[in-house]
Amino acid sequence: MEARATLKYARISPRKVKIVLDLIRNQDADKAMAILKFTPKSACEYVEKLLASAIANAENNHSMDVSRLYVAECFVGPGPTLKRIRPKDHGRAHRILKRTSHVTIVLKEREI
């Protein structure tokens, strides 16, 4: 059995989120939460809330034991990109790409 939580349209680049997800993959849920709490990356804020949601889903919806949960899968994919224009010299315009992310965390119970 597995519990999952998904965050869609997060206004952060998938490249930045992937760095944080690599830190918590295959870790126990409580250890992963501690790692996220003390890692100084902007993506940690998004992922920490998402992990808390996945833990709550496991406990309430699937009646799983919270002490045995671990991060089985975590991945990020690109969402839609917001395209903006920045004025430059001599009347030119440069494109700014504001990227978004779809993040998913899957928790499973460890076998004893």
Protein backbone atom coordinates (compact mmCIF):
# COMPACT_ATOMS: atom_id res chain seq x y z
CA MET A 1 0.00 0.00 0.00
CA GLU A 2 1.19 3.52 -0.69
CA ALA A 3 0.20 7.07 0.13
CA ARG A 4 0.89 9.91 -2.24
CA ALA A 5 0.65 13.68 -2.32
CA THR A 6 0.99 15.95 -5.36
CA LEU A 7 1.75 19.64 -5.65
CA LYS A 8 0.89 21.19 -9.00
CA TYR A 9 1.84 24.55 -10.50
CA ALA A 10 4.48 25.39 -7.84
CA ARG A 11 6.20 28.61 -8.91
CA ILE A 12 9.74 27.22 -8.71
CA SER A 13 11.96 25.67 -11.34
CA PRO A 14 11.96 21.84 -11.50
CA ARG A 15 15.76 21.91 -11.54
CA LYS A 16 15.83 23.52 -8.08
CA VAL A 17 13.27 21.09 -6.67
CA LYS A 18 15.13 18.03 -8.00
CA ILE A 19 18.19 18.90 -5.88
CA VAL A 20 16.08 18.78 -2.71
CA LEU A 21 14.20 15.61 -3.70
CA ASP A 22 17.49 13.78 -4.22
CA LEU A 23 18.30 14.46 -0.54
CA ILE A 24 15.19 12.75 0.84
CA ARG A 25 14.69 9.82 -1.57
CA ASN A 26 14.59 6.43 0.30
CA GLN A 27 14.84 8.13 3.72
CA ASP A 28 12.48 7.51 6.65
CA ALA A 29 9.67 10.07 6.74
CA ASP A 30 10.76 11.66 10.04
CA LYS A 31 14.40 11.84 8.93
CA ALA A 32 13.33 13.36 5.59
CA MET A 33 11.33 16.00 7.47
CA ALA A 34 14.39 16.87 9.57
CA ILE A 35 16.58 17.12 6.46
CA LEU A 36 14.08 19.50 4.83
CA LYS A 37 13.80 21.61 7.96
CA PHE A 38 17.55 22.32 8.14
CA THR A 39 18.46 22.55 4.44
CA PRO A 40 18.78 26.16 3.26
CA LYS A 41 17.10 25.79 -0.16
CA SER A 42 13.99 27.63 -1.33
CA ALA A 43 12.44 24.38 -2.60
CA CYS A 44 12.49 22.90 0.93
CA GLU A 45 9.50 25.02 1.91
CA TYR A 46 7.34 23.48 -0.84
CA VAL A 47 8.59 19.91 -0.32
CA GLU A 48 8.24 20.05 3.48
CA LYS A 49 4.54 20.95 3.24
CA LEU A 50 4.04 18.27 0.60
CA LEU A 51 5.72 15.61 2.75
CA ALA A 52 3.54 16.59 5.72
CA SER A 53 0.49 16.19 3.47
CA ALA A 54 1.65 12.75 2.29
CA ILE A 55 2.17 11.63 5.92
CA ALA A 56 -1.33 12.86 6.83
CA ASN A 57 -2.78 11.02 3.82
CA ALA A 58 -1.04 7.81 4.90
CA GLU A 59 -2.29 8.07 8.45
CA ASN A 60 -5.88 9.20 7.82
CA ASN A 61 -6.82 7.70 4.45
CA HIS A 62 -4.83 4.45 4.46
CA SER A 63 -4.40 3.72 8.22
CA MET A 64 -0.66 3.25 7.85
CA ASP A 65 1.81 3.27 10.77
CA VAL A 66 3.57 6.67 10.69
CA SER A 67 6.72 5.37 12.42
CA ARG A 68 7.39 2.89 9.58
CA LEU A 69 6.87 5.26 6.63
CA TYR A 70 9.64 6.04 4.16
CA VAL A 71 9.90 8.06 0.95
CA ALA A 72 9.59 5.36 -1.72
CA GLU A 73 9.39 7.71 -4.71
CA CYS A 74 9.70 11.42 -5.23
CA PHE A 75 9.88 13.14 -8.57
CA VAL A 76 9.29 16.48 -10.25
CA GLY A 77 8.11 17.36 -13.71
CA PRO A 78 7.81 20.68 -15.52
CA GLY A 79 4.53 22.55 -15.41
CA PRO A 80 3.49 25.30 -17.79
CA THR A 81 6.03 28.08 -18.28
CA LEU A 82 4.92 31.69 -17.86
CA LYS A 83 6.49 33.84 -20.55
CA ARG A 84 7.26 37.45 -19.66
CA ILE A 85 9.06 40.29 -21.43
CA ARG A 86 11.84 42.45 -19.99
CA PRO A 87 12.58 45.75 -21.72
CA LYS A 88 16.21 46.13 -22.83
CA ASP A 89 18.25 48.87 -24.43
CA HIS A 90 17.45 50.37 -27.87
CA GLY A 91 13.82 49.24 -27.72
CA ARG A 92 14.61 45.54 -27.65
CA ALA A 93 12.79 43.00 -25.48
CA HIS A 94 14.19 39.90 -23.82
CA ARG A 95 12.11 36.88 -22.85
CA ILE A 96 11.93 35.80 -19.20
CA LEU A 97 10.73 32.25 -18.54
CA LYS A 98 9.02 31.78 -15.18
CA ARG A 99 9.00 28.01 -14.76
CA THR A 100 6.54 25.97 -12.71
CA SER A 101 6.74 22.45 -11.29
CA HIS A 102 4.53 19.45 -10.58
CA VAL A 103 5.98 17.59 -7.55
CA THR A 104 4.90 14.12 -6.33
CA ILE A 105 5.89 12.23 -3.17
CA VAL A 106 4.99 8.56 -2.58
CA LEU A 107 5.29 7.01 0.89
CA LYS A 108 5.30 3.30 1.73
CA GLU A 109 5.61 1.27 4.94
CA ARG A 110 8.87 -0.54 5.69
CA GLU A 111 8.66 -4.27 6.26
CA ILE A 112 9.71 -5.35 9.75
